[in-house]
Amino acid sequence: MDKTAELLKALTEAHGAPGQENQVRTVMADHMPSYAELTTDKLGSLIATVPGKSAKPRVLVGAHMDEVGWIVREINKQGFIKVIPLGGWWGHVMLAHRVYVHGSKGPVIGVVGSTPPHMLKDEARKKVIDPKDMYIDIGVAGDVDITKKYGISVGDFVTPASDFTVMSDSKLY
């Protein structure tokens, strides 16, 4: 894997829900050229300055470090986790998505689910399910206290499980 692919892999697999961009900031700082002066502001933005010999021209390259994700809003008695989307999650693509729930004991893998189609009325089956009606299943059964066992609490963040993949043409990442 070349250096570009390695950087893209590191960035793709770093978790960075809004307000939780530490992993992404670390990857960026580790891959910045040694000649850049790195600073952060009070919001956690990473600023890389490459001093030049002339005052003109000056160029700014700006980018997001965060990714769309969710926040845990409820853990029900069955152990399903209800979430609030952070960013533009579209109901068409959320179902069956693998995610990481970032609790105090580390990330826990889960899958986005909803009421099964065979339990929905015909009219509801024809509609896109609203993200507020979805949940995350981390694979617990019975009377398990998710907060005690896995460290997952209301307010924890959730990110997609996005493994880096090189496409069929290895020049396309």
Protein backbone atom coordinates (compact mmCIF):
# COMPACT_ATOMS: atom_id res chain seq x y z
CA MET A 1 0.00 0.00 0.00
CA ASP A 2 1.47 3.39 -0.97
CA LYS A 3 1.66 6.40 1.37
CA THR A 4 -1.51 7.98 -0.03
CA ALA A 5 -3.48 4.79 0.55
CA GLU A 6 -2.01 4.47 4.06
CA LEU A 7 -3.12 8.02 4.90
CA LEU A 8 -6.61 7.45 3.46
CA LYS A 9 -6.89 4.19 5.44
CA ALA A 10 -5.86 5.91 8.68
CA LEU A 11 -8.32 8.77 8.10
CA THR A 12 -11.16 6.47 7.04
CA GLU A 13 -10.77 4.27 10.09
CA ALA A 14 -10.33 7.11 12.62
CA HIS A 15 -13.53 7.88 14.51
CA GLY A 16 -14.54 11.53 14.57
CA ALA A 17 -18.15 12.31 15.39
CA PRO A 18 -18.80 16.06 15.82
CA GLY A 19 -17.05 17.21 18.99
CA GLN A 20 -15.02 13.98 19.14
CA GLU A 21 -12.40 14.56 16.44
CA ASN A 22 -9.34 13.62 18.55
CA GLN A 23 -8.47 10.48 16.55
CA VAL A 24 -8.71 12.33 13.23
CA ARG A 25 -6.64 15.27 14.56
CA THR A 26 -3.95 12.81 15.70
CA VAL A 27 -3.82 11.12 12.28
CA MET A 28 -3.57 14.48 10.53
CA ALA A 29 -0.83 15.73 12.87
CA ASP A 30 1.15 12.49 12.44
CA HIS A 31 1.02 12.80 8.64
CA MET A 32 1.72 16.53 8.34
CA PRO A 33 5.01 17.43 6.74
CA SER A 34 7.82 18.07 9.20
CA TYR A 35 8.23 21.62 7.87
CA ALA A 36 4.72 22.71 8.97
CA GLU A 37 4.15 24.49 12.27
CA LEU A 38 1.18 22.78 13.98
CA THR A 39 -1.16 24.50 16.42
CA THR A 40 -4.72 23.97 17.61
CA ASP A 41 -7.34 26.50 18.50
CA LYS A 42 -9.78 26.44 21.45
CA LEU A 43 -12.28 24.39 19.44
CA GLY A 44 -9.69 21.74 18.59
CA SER A 45 -9.10 22.71 14.98
CA LEU A 46 -5.68 21.68 13.68
CA ILE A 47 -3.80 24.52 12.00
CA ALA A 48 -0.71 23.76 9.92
CA THR A 49 1.30 26.76 8.82
CA VAL A 50 4.01 26.48 6.18
CA PRO A 51 6.05 29.69 6.30
CA GLY A 52 6.91 31.21 2.95
CA LYS A 53 9.44 33.78 1.85
CA SER A 54 6.83 36.20 0.51
CA ALA A 55 3.74 37.72 2.06
CA LYS A 56 1.81 36.97 -1.18
CA PRO A 57 0.09 34.82 -2.23
CA ARG A 58 -1.36 33.19 0.87
CA VAL A 59 -3.43 30.05 0.53
CA LEU A 60 -5.90 28.53 2.98
CA VAL A 61 -6.96 24.92 2.66
CA GLY A 62 -9.92 24.11 4.90
CA ALA A 63 -11.61 20.78 5.59
CA HIS A 64 -13.83 19.03 8.11
CA MET A 65 -12.28 16.61 10.56
CA ASP A 66 -15.61 15.26 11.78
CA GLU A 67 -17.93 12.70 10.24
CA VAL A 68 -21.63 12.10 10.53
CA GLY A 69 -22.57 9.96 13.50
CA TRP A 70 -25.04 9.70 16.35
CA ILE A 71 -25.43 10.33 20.09
CA VAL A 72 -27.01 7.76 22.40
CA ARG A 73 -30.35 9.16 23.60
CA GLU A 74 -31.87 6.10 25.28
CA ILE A 75 -31.10 2.51 26.23
CA ASN A 76 -34.29 0.50 26.52
CA LYS A 77 -35.04 -2.53 28.72
CA GLN A 78 -34.39 -4.92 25.82
CA GLY A 79 -30.86 -3.52 25.45
CA PHE A 80 -31.52 -1.64 22.22
CA ILE A 81 -29.87 1.77 21.88
CA LYS A 82 -31.86 4.68 20.48
CA VAL A 83 -29.83 7.48 18.92
CA ILE A 84 -30.01 11.05 17.64
CA PRO A 85 -28.29 11.66 14.28
CA LEU A 86 -25.32 14.06 14.16
CA GLY A 87 -25.20 15.38 10.63
CA GLY A 88 -27.10 14.37 7.54
CA TRP A 89 -27.92 10.70 8.04
CA TRP A 90 -30.46 9.57 5.48
CA GLY A 91 -32.97 6.91 6.49
CA HIS A 92 -32.46 5.09 3.19
CA VAL A 93 -28.90 4.10 4.07
CA MET A 94 -28.86 3.64 7.84
CA LEU A 95 -30.49 0.23 8.23
CA ALA A 96 -28.10 -2.72 8.63
CA HIS A 97 -25.15 -0.32 8.89
CA ARG A 98 -22.44 -1.54 11.27
CA VAL A 99 -21.49 1.05 13.88
CA TYR A 100 -19.27 1.53 16.92
CA VAL A 101 -20.82 2.76 20.16
CA HIS A 102 -18.05 4.57 22.06
CA GLY A 103 -18.66 3.88 25.75
CA SER A 104 -16.35 4.41 28.69
CA LYS A 105 -14.97 0.86 28.32
CA GLY A 106 -14.10 1.29 24.64
CA PRO A 107 -15.94 0.88 21.35
CA VAL A 108 -18.65 -1.79 21.03
CA ILE A 109 -19.78 -2.99 17.58
CA GLY A 110 -23.47 -2.85 16.78
CA VAL A 111 -25.90 -2.95 13.87
CA VAL A 112 -28.63 -0.43 13.04
CA GLY A 113 -32.03 -2.11 13.08
CA SER A 114 -35.74 -1.38 13.13
CA THR A 115 -39.07 -3.13 13.45
CA PRO A 116 -38.95 -6.09 11.02
CA PRO A 117 -40.94 -5.67 7.79
CA HIS A 118 -43.24 -8.61 8.57
CA MET A 119 -44.38 -6.80 11.72
CA LEU A 120 -45.25 -3.56 9.89
CA LYS A 121 -48.56 -2.67 8.31
CA ASP A 122 -48.56 -2.58 4.49
CA GLU A 123 -48.54 1.24 4.35
CA ALA A 124 -45.61 1.53 6.78
CA ARG A 125 -43.62 -1.05 4.79
CA LYS A 126 -43.71 1.27 1.74
CA LYS A 127 -42.13 4.21 3.59
CA VAL A 128 -38.52 4.96 4.45
CA ILE A 129 -38.03 4.41 8.16
CA ASP A 130 -37.25 7.59 10.06
CA PRO A 131 -33.88 7.42 11.88
CA LYS A 132 -35.68 8.20 15.16
CA ASP A 133 -37.51 4.87 14.77
CA MET A 134 -34.28 2.90 14.37
CA TYR A 135 -32.07 1.47 17.09
CA ILE A 136 -28.64 -0.06 17.53
CA ASP A 137 -28.44 -3.72 18.47
CA ILE A 138 -25.15 -4.66 20.17
CA GLY A 139 -26.18 -8.29 20.58
CA VAL A 140 -27.31 -8.54 24.19
CA ALA A 141 -30.14 -10.74 25.40
CA GLY A 142 -32.05 -10.84 28.62
CA ASP A 143 -31.65 -8.51 31.53
CA VAL A 144 -28.19 -7.02 30.83
CA ASP A 145 -27.16 -3.65 32.27
CA ILE A 146 -25.38 -2.22 29.21
CA THR A 147 -23.97 0.68 31.20
CA LYS A 148 -22.31 -1.59 33.78
CA LYS A 149 -21.18 -4.33 31.39
CA TYR A 150 -20.10 -2.25 28.36
CA GLY A 151 -19.78 1.29 29.73
CA ILE A 152 -22.41 2.63 27.30
CA SER A 153 -24.44 5.60 28.56
CA VAL A 154 -26.78 8.27 27.28
CA GLY A 155 -24.65 10.96 25.61
CA ASP A 156 -22.00 8.59 24.22
CA PHE A 157 -21.19 8.99 20.56
CA VAL A 158 -21.63 6.46 17.77
CA THR A 159 -19.70 6.28 14.49
CA PRO A 160 -20.02 4.14 11.37
CA ALA A 161 -17.78 1.11 11.07
CA SER A 162 -16.05 2.20 7.87
CA ASP A 163 -13.23 -0.08 6.87
CA PHE A 164 -10.93 1.26 4.19
CA THR A 165 -11.19 -0.67 0.93
CA VAL A 166 -9.16 -0.43 -2.24
CA MET A 167 -11.53 -0.81 -5.17
CA SER A 168 -11.00 -3.18 -8.13
CA ASP A 169 -8.74 -0.65 -9.85
CA SER A 170 -6.03 -0.14 -7.24
CA LYS A 171 -5.59 3.45 -8.45
CA LEU A 172 -9.09 4.21 -7.15
CA TYR A 173 -9.34 4.41 -3.37
